Amino acid sequence: MKIRFRQLQAFHAIVETGTVTGAARLLGISQPGVSNLLSQLEDQAGLPLFERLHGRLLPTPEAELLFAEVDTVMRGMSKVTQSMVDLKTRKLGQLQIASQHAMSFGFMPRLIARFTADRPELNISFQSQYSSKVQEWVWNGLFEIGVCEMPLLYDTLTVYPLYVETMLALHKDNPLARHEVLTPELLAGEPFIVMGQDHMTHRRLREAFQNAGVPLRTRVHSHLFKNLLSFVQEGMGVALLDRFILDYDMQGDVITRPFRPTIMMDMCVITSKSRPMSQLGKEFLDLLLHELQHYTVDGRPLRQADRTRR
C-alpha cells in the first residue's frame, strides 16, 4: 500500500471541516480534486472512511482511529514547515561564537542580545577563551565565528584583521593625569600592571621603553585585561588596556590617556574556510564586522584578508 501525503491531507481536512467544500477551500484545490483523493485513500484502505449525514461527512470509527495517526503527521509537517520559515527568516537555529576574554565581558553579550532580541527561539552557544583556543575551536568546527588576537595558528581560517589602539589607564588621583598624552619619559619609575611576557602589548611596551632609553618598572603580571583594570582601580599602577575593556568595564576612579608611541592590539575575526556557514552565522558576522569598524584606528570597514601582519 503506497499512500500519498496529499491523500492524507485531504482526509485530515475533511475530518476537520466536515465537508468536501470546506476541505477544498482549506487546501486550495478543487472539490473534485478532494473527492478524488478521498476515493483513492478509501480504495487503498479497503473500507469506507466517511458516511454522509445532512450534507456533512461523518468519519467512521475506523476513520477516527486513522485520524489520530494522521493528525500527528500533519502537526509534525506543520512544525517542519514553520521551522523552514524560521530558518529562512533567521529566527531559528544556533548561533555559535567564541571570543577572547576582553570582548566577552560587555561588547559581545550586548551585541548577541541585540541580535537575538526578536529571535526568542534562537539557541546561543558563546564561550570566551585564550586566542589560541578560540582559533582551535573555529578550526575544528565547534564554533562558526571567533574573535581572537594574532598571530594565526591555522591557514584554513578566513580572516578579517582588526587593529585596535590601546590606551593607558591610570587612577584619577595619579599626578600623571594632568598630562594629555603619556610617554615613556613621563612614565619613568611608574609601576606598570602588565600582561604576560609574551603578550604583544607587553612586548611592544618593553620595546617602546627600550627605544626611549627608559627602564620599564613592572609591578603586577596577570593574564586578563580585566584583571589589569582592577589593579589600576586599586591605585597599584598604570596599564595599557584595549578599548573593549575600557568601554564596558571602566569605573569612575579610572581615566585614560593616549600613549605614545602608539601600541596596537592585532586582532581578527575568523571563520572556517573548510566548512560552510549558516545563514544565521553570516548575518551575525555582518553585524559584528560593522560594529567592530568603530574600534579600528581609521574607521574603515573590516575586509577579508588572505594574510595578516604579525
C-alpha atoms as a PDB file:
ATOM      1  CA  MET A   1       0.000   0.000   0.000  1.00  0.00           C
ATOM      2  CA  LYS A   2       1.532   3.299  -1.124  1.00  0.00           C
ATOM      3  CA  ILE A   3      -0.284   6.201   0.466  1.00  0.00           C
ATOM      4  CA  ARG A   4       0.484   9.684  -0.804  1.00  0.00           C
ATOM      5  CA  PHE A   5       0.803  12.624   1.540  1.00  0.00           C
ATOM      6  CA  ARG A   6      -1.770  14.603  -0.447  1.00  0.00           C
ATOM      7  CA  GLN A   7      -4.361  11.888   0.240  1.00  0.00           C
ATOM      8  CA  LEU A   8      -3.736  12.189   3.974  1.00  0.00           C
ATOM      9  CA  GLN A   9      -4.039  15.968   3.697  1.00  0.00           C
ATOM     10  CA  ALA A  10      -7.435  15.649   2.033  1.00  0.00           C
ATOM     11  CA  PHE A  11      -8.630  13.126   4.629  1.00  0.00           C
ATOM     12  CA  HIS A  12      -7.436  15.335   7.503  1.00  0.00           C
ATOM     13  CA  ALA A  13      -9.075  18.439   6.023  1.00  0.00           C
ATOM     14  CA  ILE A  14     -12.413  16.656   5.523  1.00  0.00           C
ATOM     15  CA  VAL A  15     -12.474  15.480   9.139  1.00  0.00           C
ATOM     16  CA  GLU A  16     -11.653  18.981  10.376  1.00  0.00           C
ATOM     17  CA  THR A  17     -14.160  20.840   8.167  1.00  0.00           C
ATOM     18  CA  GLY A  18     -16.843  18.178   7.809  1.00  0.00           C
ATOM     19  CA  THR A  19     -17.360  18.812   4.077  1.00  0.00           C
ATOM     20  CA  VAL A  20     -15.565  18.368   0.784  1.00  0.00           C
ATOM     21  CA  THR A  21     -16.216  22.045   0.086  1.00  0.00           C
ATOM     22  CA  GLY A  22     -14.538  23.104   3.308  1.00  0.00           C
ATOM     23  CA  ALA A  23     -11.587  20.785   2.710  1.00  0.00           C
ATOM     24  CA  ALA A  24     -11.155  22.122  -0.831  1.00  0.00           C
ATOM     25  CA  ARG A  25     -11.138  25.688   0.483  1.00  0.00           C
ATOM     26  CA  LEU A  26      -8.654  24.781   3.224  1.00  0.00           C
ATOM     27  CA  LEU A  27      -6.272  23.059   0.831  1.00  0.00           C
ATOM     28  CA  GLY A  28      -6.710  25.480  -2.038  1.00  0.00           C
ATOM     29  CA  ILE A  29      -7.740  22.811  -4.568  1.00  0.00           C
ATOM     30  CA  SER A  30     -10.973  21.925  -6.371  1.00  0.00           C
ATOM     31  CA  GLN A  31     -13.810  19.918  -4.814  1.00  0.00           C
ATOM     32  CA  PRO A  32     -13.430  17.136  -7.423  1.00  0.00           C
ATOM     33  CA  GLY A  33      -9.752  17.016  -6.538  1.00  0.00           C
ATOM     34  CA  VAL A  34     -10.541  16.448  -2.853  1.00  0.00           C
ATOM     35  CA  SER A  35     -13.179  13.818  -3.684  1.00  0.00           C
ATOM     36  CA  ASN A  36     -10.719  12.011  -5.929  1.00  0.00           C
ATOM     37  CA  LEU A  37      -8.038  11.949  -3.240  1.00  0.00           C
ATOM     38  CA  LEU A  38     -10.512  10.604  -0.669  1.00  0.00           C
ATOM     39  CA  SER A  39     -11.712   7.934  -3.096  1.00  0.00           C
ATOM     40  CA  GLN A  40      -8.129   6.811  -3.704  1.00  0.00           C
ATOM     41  CA  LEU A  41      -7.461   6.580   0.024  1.00  0.00           C
ATOM     42  CA  GLU A  42     -10.635   4.568   0.682  1.00  0.00           C
ATOM     43  CA  ASP A  43      -9.743   2.187  -2.160  1.00  0.00           C
ATOM     44  CA  GLN A  44      -6.298   1.636  -0.704  1.00  0.00           C
ATOM     45  CA  ALA A  45      -7.673   1.218   2.821  1.00  0.00           C
ATOM     46  CA  GLY A  46     -10.363  -1.197   1.584  1.00  0.00           C
ATOM     47  CA  LEU A  47     -13.071   0.310   3.768  1.00  0.00           C
ATOM     48  CA  PRO A  48     -15.279   3.397   3.872  1.00  0.00           C
ATOM     49  CA  LEU A  49     -13.956   6.303   5.892  1.00  0.00           C
ATOM     50  CA  PHE A  50     -16.990   8.611   5.893  1.00  0.00           C
ATOM     51  CA  GLU A  51     -20.779   8.469   5.942  1.00  0.00           C
ATOM     52  CA  ARG A  52     -22.886  11.324   4.644  1.00  0.00           C
ATOM     53  CA  LEU A  53     -25.484  12.776   7.024  1.00  0.00           C
ATOM     54  CA  HIS A  54     -27.396  16.011   6.485  1.00  0.00           C
ATOM     55  CA  GLY A  55     -24.866  17.308   3.990  1.00  0.00           C
ATOM     56  CA  ARG A  56     -21.866  16.573   6.172  1.00  0.00           C
ATOM     57  CA  LEU A  57     -19.322  13.777   6.072  1.00  0.00           C
ATOM     58  CA  LEU A  58     -19.045  11.940   9.373  1.00  0.00           C
ATOM     59  CA  PRO A  59     -15.920   9.852   9.972  1.00  0.00           C
ATOM     60  CA  THR A  60     -16.432   6.171  10.652  1.00  0.00           C
ATOM     61  CA  PRO A  61     -14.936   4.662  13.826  1.00  0.00           C
ATOM     62  CA  GLU A  62     -12.069   3.370  11.670  1.00  0.00           C
ATOM     63  CA  ALA A  63     -11.542   6.855  10.280  1.00  0.00           C
ATOM     64  CA  GLU A  64     -11.395   8.320  13.796  1.00  0.00           C
ATOM     65  CA  LEU A  65      -8.632   5.897  14.714  1.00  0.00           C
ATOM     66  CA  LEU A  66      -6.806   6.762  11.486  1.00  0.00           C
ATOM     67  CA  PHE A  67      -7.268  10.473  12.091  1.00  0.00           C
ATOM     68  CA  ALA A  68      -5.353  10.313  15.383  1.00  0.00           C
ATOM     69  CA  GLU A  69      -2.322   8.997  13.490  1.00  0.00           C
ATOM     70  CA  VAL A  70      -2.741  11.329  10.527  1.00  0.00           C
ATOM     71  CA  ASP A  71      -3.155  14.332  12.830  1.00  0.00           C
ATOM     72  CA  THR A  72       0.256  13.565  14.354  1.00  0.00           C
ATOM     73  CA  VAL A  73       1.763  13.533  10.865  1.00  0.00           C
ATOM     74  CA  MET A  74       0.064  16.805   9.896  1.00  0.00           C
ATOM     75  CA  ARG A  75       1.176  18.556  13.061  1.00  0.00           C
ATOM     76  CA  GLY A  76       4.701  17.296  12.526  1.00  0.00           C
ATOM     77  CA  MET A  77       4.672  18.551   8.938  1.00  0.00           C
ATOM     78  CA  SER A  78       3.300  21.897  10.085  1.00  0.00           C
ATOM     79  CA  LYS A  79       6.149  22.154  12.582  1.00  0.00           C
ATOM     80  CA  VAL A  80       8.672  21.284   9.874  1.00  0.00           C
ATOM     81  CA  THR A  81       7.164  23.924   7.591  1.00  0.00           C
ATOM     82  CA  GLN A  82       7.301  26.544  10.332  1.00  0.00           C
ATOM     83  CA  SER A  83      10.874  25.563  11.103  1.00  0.00           C
ATOM     84  CA  MET A  84      11.805  26.108   7.465  1.00  0.00           C
ATOM     85  CA  VAL A  85      10.189  29.547   7.560  1.00  0.00           C
ATOM     86  CA  ASP A  86      12.008  30.385  10.802  1.00  0.00           C
ATOM     87  CA  LEU A  87      15.309  29.201   9.347  1.00  0.00           C
ATOM     88  CA  LYS A  88      14.732  31.338   6.274  1.00  0.00           C
ATOM     89  CA  THR A  89      13.964  34.404   8.388  1.00  0.00           C
ATOM     90  CA  ARG A  90      16.884  33.614  10.767  1.00  0.00           C
ATOM     91  CA  LYS A  91      14.561  33.129  13.745  1.00  0.00           C
ATOM     92  CA  LEU A  92      15.555  29.512  14.331  1.00  0.00           C
ATOM     93  CA  GLY A  93      18.969  27.947  14.529  1.00  0.00           C
ATOM     94  CA  GLN A  94      22.133  28.018  16.610  1.00  0.00           C
ATOM     95  CA  LEU A  95      24.453  30.972  16.956  1.00  0.00           C
ATOM     96  CA  GLN A  96      27.978  29.704  17.699  1.00  0.00           C
ATOM     97  CA  ILE A  97      30.510  32.340  18.749  1.00  0.00           C
ATOM     98  CA  ALA A  98      33.828  32.195  20.583  1.00  0.00           C
ATOM     99  CA  SER A  99      35.781  35.240  21.714  1.00  0.00           C
ATOM    100  CA  GLN A 100      38.929  36.217  23.512  1.00  0.00           C
ATOM    101  CA  HIS A 101      38.257  37.327  27.067  1.00  0.00           C
ATOM    102  CA  ALA A 102      38.323  41.122  26.725  1.00  0.00           C
ATOM    103  CA  MET A 103      35.267  41.230  24.465  1.00  0.00           C
ATOM    104  CA  SER A 104      33.298  38.692  26.495  1.00  0.00           C
ATOM    105  CA  PHE A 105      32.513  40.905  29.493  1.00  0.00           C
ATOM    106  CA  GLY A 106      30.490  43.580  27.700  1.00  0.00           C
ATOM    107  CA  PHE A 107      30.825  44.011  23.970  1.00  0.00           C
ATOM    108  CA  MET A 108      29.849  40.534  22.824  1.00  0.00           C
ATOM    109  CA  PRO A 109      26.965  39.876  25.270  1.00  0.00           C
ATOM    110  CA  ARG A 110      25.359  43.184  24.302  1.00  0.00           C
ATOM    111  CA  LEU A 111      25.760  42.502  20.599  1.00  0.00           C
ATOM    112  CA  ILE A 112      24.322  38.994  20.917  1.00  0.00           C
ATOM    113  CA  ALA A 113      21.406  40.304  22.993  1.00  0.00           C
ATOM    114  CA  ARG A 114      20.680  42.918  20.363  1.00  0.00           C
ATOM    115  CA  PHE A 115      20.878  40.371  17.539  1.00  0.00           C
ATOM    116  CA  THR A 116      18.569  37.892  19.266  1.00  0.00           C
ATOM    117  CA  ALA A 117      16.035  40.376  20.665  1.00  0.00           C
ATOM    118  CA  ASP A 118      13.342  39.327  18.182  1.00  0.00           C
ATOM    119  CA  ARG A 119      14.509  35.694  17.949  1.00  0.00           C
ATOM    120  CA  PRO A 120      13.315  34.012  21.172  1.00  0.00           C
ATOM    121  CA  GLU A 121      13.739  30.504  19.739  1.00  0.00           C
ATOM    122  CA  LEU A 122      17.386  31.001  18.835  1.00  0.00           C
ATOM    123  CA  ASN A 123      19.875  28.749  20.576  1.00  0.00           C
ATOM    124  CA  ILE A 124      23.105  30.511  21.538  1.00  0.00           C
ATOM    125  CA  SER A 125      26.488  28.955  22.191  1.00  0.00           C
ATOM    126  CA  PHE A 126      29.043  31.501  23.407  1.00  0.00           C
ATOM    127  CA  GLN A 127      32.395  30.845  25.042  1.00  0.00           C
ATOM    128  CA  SER A 128      35.395  33.007  25.910  1.00  0.00           C
ATOM    129  CA  GLN A 129      38.917  31.608  25.944  1.00  0.00           C
ATOM    130  CA  TYR A 130      42.505  32.385  25.130  1.00  0.00           C
ATOM    131  CA  SER A 131      43.033  33.270  21.479  1.00  0.00           C
ATOM    132  CA  SER A 132      44.850  30.052  20.602  1.00  0.00           C
ATOM    133  CA  LYS A 133      41.907  28.012  21.879  1.00  0.00           C
ATOM    134  CA  VAL A 134      39.391  30.212  20.016  1.00  0.00           C
ATOM    135  CA  GLN A 135      41.273  29.528  16.793  1.00  0.00           C
ATOM    136  CA  GLU A 136      41.325  25.806  17.536  1.00  0.00           C
ATOM    137  CA  TRP A 137      37.581  25.764  18.182  1.00  0.00           C
ATOM    138  CA  VAL A 138      36.754  27.512  14.902  1.00  0.00           C
ATOM    139  CA  TRP A 139      39.242  25.322  13.037  1.00  0.00           C
ATOM    140  CA  ASN A 140      37.585  22.195  14.493  1.00  0.00           C
ATOM    141  CA  GLY A 141      34.085  23.423  13.616  1.00  0.00           C
ATOM    142  CA  LEU A 142      32.940  23.757  17.229  1.00  0.00           C
ATOM    143  CA  PHE A 143      32.157  27.435  16.638  1.00  0.00           C
ATOM    144  CA  GLU A 144      31.274  29.276  13.424  1.00  0.00           C
ATOM    145  CA  ILE A 145      32.716  32.671  14.360  1.00  0.00           C
ATOM    146  CA  GLY A 146      35.669  33.583  16.519  1.00  0.00           C
ATOM    147  CA  VAL A 147      37.336  36.805  17.633  1.00  0.00           C
ATOM    148  CA  CYS A 148      40.941  36.443  18.716  1.00  0.00           C
ATOM    149  CA  GLU A 149      44.348  38.014  18.883  1.00  0.00           C
ATOM    150  CA  MET A 150      47.005  37.343  16.292  1.00  0.00           C
ATOM    151  CA  PRO A 151      49.164  35.617  15.203  1.00  0.00           C
ATOM    152  CA  LEU A 152      47.145  32.979  13.384  1.00  0.00           C
ATOM    153  CA  LEU A 153      47.926  29.336  14.005  1.00  0.00           C
ATOM    154  CA  TYR A 154      45.950  27.776  11.134  1.00  0.00           C
ATOM    155  CA  ASP A 155      45.967  28.535   7.412  1.00  0.00           C
ATOM    156  CA  THR A 156      42.443  27.179   6.924  1.00  0.00           C
ATOM    157  CA  LEU A 157      40.763  30.197   8.509  1.00  0.00           C
ATOM    158  CA  THR A 158      39.100  33.116   6.772  1.00  0.00           C
ATOM    159  CA  VAL A 159      40.457  36.251   8.431  1.00  0.00           C
ATOM    160  CA  TYR A 160      39.154  39.790   8.927  1.00  0.00           C
ATOM    161  CA  PRO A 161      42.006  41.787  10.534  1.00  0.00           C
ATOM    162  CA  LEU A 162      41.248  44.319  13.252  1.00  0.00           C
ATOM    163  CA  TYR A 163      43.877  46.701  14.641  1.00  0.00           C
ATOM    164  CA  VAL A 164      42.864  48.489  17.837  1.00  0.00           C
ATOM    165  CA  GLU A 165      44.814  51.212  19.607  1.00  0.00           C
ATOM    166  CA  THR A 166      45.461  50.633  23.297  1.00  0.00           C
ATOM    167  CA  MET A 167      45.079  53.402  25.866  1.00  0.00           C
ATOM    168  CA  LEU A 168      46.907  53.970  29.115  1.00  0.00           C
ATOM    169  CA  ALA A 169      44.621  53.585  32.135  1.00  0.00           C
ATOM    170  CA  LEU A 170      45.514  55.245  35.428  1.00  0.00           C
ATOM    171  CA  HIS A 171      43.811  56.138  38.685  1.00  0.00           C
ATOM    172  CA  LYS A 172      42.187  59.568  38.626  1.00  0.00           C
ATOM    173  CA  ASP A 173      44.309  60.668  41.597  1.00  0.00           C
ATOM    174  CA  ASN A 174      47.574  59.845  39.846  1.00  0.00           C
ATOM    175  CA  PRO A 175      49.607  63.070  39.311  1.00  0.00           C
ATOM    176  CA  LEU A 176      50.271  61.922  35.715  1.00  0.00           C
ATOM    177  CA  ALA A 177      46.605  62.595  34.953  1.00  0.00           C
ATOM    178  CA  ARG A 178      47.478  66.240  34.275  1.00  0.00           C
ATOM    179  CA  HIS A 179      49.175  65.248  31.028  1.00  0.00           C
ATOM    180  CA  GLU A 180      47.097  64.906  27.857  1.00  0.00           C
ATOM    181  CA  VAL A 181      49.483  62.332  26.338  1.00  0.00           C
ATOM    182  CA  LEU A 182      51.820  59.991  28.207  1.00  0.00           C
ATOM    183  CA  THR A 183      55.240  58.791  27.035  1.00  0.00           C
ATOM    184  CA  PRO A 184      57.960  56.507  28.403  1.00  0.00           C
ATOM    185  CA  GLU A 185      59.854  59.571  29.595  1.00  0.00           C
ATOM    186  CA  LEU A 186      56.876  60.811  31.630  1.00  0.00           C
ATOM    187  CA  LEU A 187      56.218  57.308  32.943  1.00  0.00           C
ATOM    188  CA  ALA A 188      59.766  56.664  34.147  1.00  0.00           C
ATOM    189  CA  GLY A 189      59.582  54.895  37.515  1.00  0.00           C
ATOM    190  CA  GLU A 190      55.789  54.473  37.333  1.00  0.00           C
ATOM    191  CA  PRO A 191      54.695  50.921  38.253  1.00  0.00           C
ATOM    192  CA  PHE A 192      53.007  49.064  35.381  1.00  0.00           C
ATOM    193  CA  ILE A 193      50.432  46.298  35.563  1.00  0.00           C
ATOM    194  CA  VAL A 194      51.092  44.166  32.506  1.00  0.00           C
ATOM    195  CA  MET A 195      50.041  41.063  30.639  1.00  0.00           C
ATOM    196  CA  GLY A 196      52.400  38.083  30.394  1.00  0.00           C
ATOM    197  CA  GLN A 197      55.894  38.415  28.960  1.00  0.00           C
ATOM    198  CA  ASP A 198      54.869  37.041  25.550  1.00  0.00           C
ATOM    199  CA  HIS A 199      51.745  39.129  25.098  1.00  0.00           C
ATOM    200  CA  MET A 200      52.043  41.636  22.255  1.00  0.00           C
ATOM    201  CA  THR A 201      51.161  44.643  24.450  1.00  0.00           C
ATOM    202  CA  HIS A 202      53.843  43.784  26.999  1.00  0.00           C
ATOM    203  CA  ARG A 203      56.412  43.064  24.299  1.00  0.00           C
ATOM    204  CA  ARG A 204      55.699  46.316  22.455  1.00  0.00           C
ATOM    205  CA  LEU A 205      55.657  48.285  25.689  1.00  0.00           C
ATOM    206  CA  ARG A 206      59.141  46.986  26.552  1.00  0.00           C
ATOM    207  CA  GLU A 207      60.356  47.956  23.085  1.00  0.00           C
ATOM    208  CA  ALA A 208      58.928  51.484  23.441  1.00  0.00           C
ATOM    209  CA  PHE A 209      60.726  51.984  26.762  1.00  0.00           C
ATOM    210  CA  GLN A 210      63.967  50.474  25.450  1.00  0.00           C
ATOM    211  CA  ASN A 211      63.908  52.750  22.395  1.00  0.00           C
ATOM    212  CA  ALA A 212      63.389  55.724  24.674  1.00  0.00           C
ATOM    213  CA  GLY A 213      66.233  54.615  26.949  1.00  0.00           C
ATOM    214  CA  VAL A 214      63.890  54.463  29.929  1.00  0.00           C
ATOM    215  CA  PRO A 215      63.656  51.479  32.326  1.00  0.00           C
ATOM    216  CA  LEU A 216      60.222  49.830  32.455  1.00  0.00           C
ATOM    217  CA  ARG A 217      59.071  49.142  36.001  1.00  0.00           C
ATOM    218  CA  THR A 218      56.561  46.268  36.193  1.00  0.00           C
ATOM    219  CA  ARG A 219      54.750  45.585  39.437  1.00  0.00           C
ATOM    220  CA  VAL A 220      51.954  43.129  38.619  1.00  0.00           C
ATOM    221  CA  HIS A 221      51.687  40.475  35.897  1.00  0.00           C
ATOM    222  CA  SER A 222      48.302  39.000  35.039  1.00  0.00           C
ATOM    223  CA  HIS A 223      46.589  37.184  32.178  1.00  0.00           C
ATOM    224  CA  LEU A 224      43.375  39.178  31.648  1.00  0.00           C
ATOM    225  CA  PHE A 225      42.884  42.843  30.765  1.00  0.00           C
ATOM    226  CA  LYS A 226      40.000  42.883  33.217  1.00  0.00           C
ATOM    227  CA  ASN A 227      42.439  41.958  35.988  1.00  0.00           C
ATOM    228  CA  LEU A 228      44.782  44.754  34.919  1.00  0.00           C
ATOM    229  CA  LEU A 229      41.916  47.228  35.146  1.00  0.00           C
ATOM    230  CA  SER A 230      41.051  46.031  38.657  1.00  0.00           C
ATOM    231  CA  PHE A 231      44.604  46.709  39.846  1.00  0.00           C
ATOM    232  CA  VAL A 232      44.523  50.179  38.274  1.00  0.00           C
ATOM    233  CA  GLN A 233      41.283  50.870  40.127  1.00  0.00           C
ATOM    234  CA  GLU A 234      43.081  49.983  43.361  1.00  0.00           C
ATOM    235  CA  GLY A 235      45.786  52.543  42.560  1.00  0.00           C
ATOM    236  CA  MET A 236      48.558  49.990  42.185  1.00  0.00           C
ATOM    237  CA  GLY A 237      49.888  51.342  38.902  1.00  0.00           C
ATOM    238  CA  VAL A 238      49.043  52.054  35.293  1.00  0.00           C
ATOM    239  CA  ALA A 239      48.218  49.656  32.442  1.00  0.00           C
ATOM    240  CA  LEU A 240      47.793  49.520  28.688  1.00  0.00           C
ATOM    241  CA  LEU A 241      44.271  48.331  28.005  1.00  0.00           C
ATOM    242  CA  ASP A 242      42.226  47.673  24.899  1.00  0.00           C
ATOM    243  CA  ARG A 243      39.069  49.658  24.178  1.00  0.00           C
ATOM    244  CA  PHE A 244      36.707  46.730  24.738  1.00  0.00           C
ATOM    245  CA  ILE A 245      37.565  46.632  28.436  1.00  0.00           C
ATOM    246  CA  LEU A 246      37.608  50.426  28.707  1.00  0.00           C
ATOM    247  CA  ASP A 247      34.236  50.865  27.024  1.00  0.00           C
ATOM    248  CA  TYR A 248      32.373  48.323  29.150  1.00  0.00           C
ATOM    249  CA  ASP A 249      34.202  47.917  32.464  1.00  0.00           C
ATOM    250  CA  MET A 250      35.850  51.211  33.371  1.00  0.00           C
ATOM    251  CA  GLN A 251      34.799  52.700  36.702  1.00  0.00           C
ATOM    252  CA  GLY A 252      34.768  56.320  37.877  1.00  0.00           C
ATOM    253  CA  ASP A 253      38.154  56.085  39.600  1.00  0.00           C
ATOM    254  CA  VAL A 254      39.973  55.299  36.331  1.00  0.00           C
ATOM    255  CA  ILE A 255      40.800  57.666  33.499  1.00  0.00           C
ATOM    256  CA  THR A 256      42.621  57.079  30.228  1.00  0.00           C
ATOM    257  CA  ARG A 257      45.266  58.893  28.247  1.00  0.00           C
ATOM    258  CA  PRO A 258      46.812  58.190  24.833  1.00  0.00           C
ATOM    259  CA  PHE A 259      50.230  56.543  24.995  1.00  0.00           C
ATOM    260  CA  ARG A 260      52.954  57.466  22.532  1.00  0.00           C
ATOM    261  CA  PRO A 261      54.410  55.708  20.662  1.00  0.00           C
ATOM    262  CA  THR A 262      51.099  54.091  19.795  1.00  0.00           C
ATOM    263  CA  ILE A 263      50.797  50.429  20.756  1.00  0.00           C
ATOM    264  CA  MET A 264      48.298  48.424  18.778  1.00  0.00           C
ATOM    265  CA  MET A 265      46.370  45.254  19.510  1.00  0.00           C
ATOM    266  CA  ASP A 266      46.453  42.975  16.448  1.00  0.00           C
ATOM    267  CA  MET A 267      43.168  41.114  16.418  1.00  0.00           C
ATOM    268  CA  CYS A 268      40.913  39.438  13.882  1.00  0.00           C
ATOM    269  CA  VAL A 269      37.525  37.883  13.277  1.00  0.00           C
ATOM    270  CA  ILE A 270      37.819  34.327  11.988  1.00  0.00           C
ATOM    271  CA  THR A 271      35.630  31.739  10.293  1.00  0.00           C
ATOM    272  CA  SER A 272      36.461  28.371   8.776  1.00  0.00           C
ATOM    273  CA  LYS A 273      37.429  28.062   5.116  1.00  0.00           C
ATOM    274  CA  SER A 274      36.582  24.361   5.065  1.00  0.00           C
ATOM    275  CA  ARG A 275      33.030  24.481   6.464  1.00  0.00           C
ATOM    276  CA  PRO A 276      30.024  26.360   5.089  1.00  0.00           C
ATOM    277  CA  MET A 277      28.478  28.975   7.353  1.00  0.00           C
ATOM    278  CA  SER A 278      24.825  29.018   8.310  1.00  0.00           C
ATOM    279  CA  GLN A 279      22.693  31.881   7.063  1.00  0.00           C
ATOM    280  CA  LEU A 280      22.277  32.922  10.680  1.00  0.00           C
ATOM    281  CA  GLY A 281      26.039  32.976  11.145  1.00  0.00           C
ATOM    282  CA  LYS A 282      26.505  35.074   8.022  1.00  0.00           C
ATOM    283  CA  GLU A 283      24.004  37.643   9.244  1.00  0.00           C
ATOM    284  CA  PHE A 284      25.658  37.894  12.662  1.00  0.00           C
ATOM    285  CA  LEU A 285      29.090  38.124  11.040  1.00  0.00           C
ATOM    286  CA  ASP A 286      27.942  41.126   9.005  1.00  0.00           C
ATOM    287  CA  LEU A 287      26.686  42.829  12.170  1.00  0.00           C
ATOM    288  CA  LEU A 288      29.874  42.014  14.072  1.00  0.00           C
ATOM    289  CA  LEU A 289      32.147  43.384  11.354  1.00  0.00           C
ATOM    290  CA  HIS A 290      30.062  46.552  11.158  1.00  0.00           C
ATOM    291  CA  GLU A 291      30.237  47.142  14.923  1.00  0.00           C
ATOM    292  CA  LEU A 292      33.962  46.442  15.103  1.00  0.00           C
ATOM    293  CA  GLN A 293      34.548  49.104  12.479  1.00  0.00           C
ATOM    294  CA  HIS A 294      34.118  51.691  15.258  1.00  0.00           C
ATOM    295  CA  TYR A 295      37.146  50.263  17.047  1.00  0.00           C
ATOM    296  CA  THR A 296      39.584  50.492  14.154  1.00  0.00           C
ATOM    297  CA  VAL A 297      42.066  53.368  14.029  1.00  0.00           C
ATOM    298  CA  ASP A 298      40.931  54.652  10.635  1.00  0.00           C
ATOM    299  CA  GLY A 299      37.256  53.690  10.973  1.00  0.00           C
ATOM    300  CA  ARG A 300      37.330  51.671   7.780  1.00  0.00           C
ATOM    301  CA  PRO A 301      35.166  48.549   7.302  1.00  0.00           C
ATOM    302  CA  LEU A 302      36.834  45.256   8.119  1.00  0.00           C
ATOM    303  CA  ARG A 303      37.823  43.351   4.968  1.00  0.00           C
ATOM    304  CA  GLN A 304      38.672  39.735   4.426  1.00  0.00           C
ATOM    305  CA  ALA A 305      42.419  39.178   4.092  1.00  0.00           C
ATOM    306  CA  ASP A 306      44.393  36.235   2.775  1.00  0.00           C
ATOM    307  CA  ARG A 307      47.324  37.052   5.019  1.00  0.00           C
ATOM    308  CA  THR A 308      47.605  39.176   8.128  1.00  0.00           C
ATOM    309  CA  ARG A 309      50.543  41.039   9.574  1.00  0.00           C
ATOM    310  CA  ARG A 310      52.161  39.691  12.709  1.00  0.00           C
END
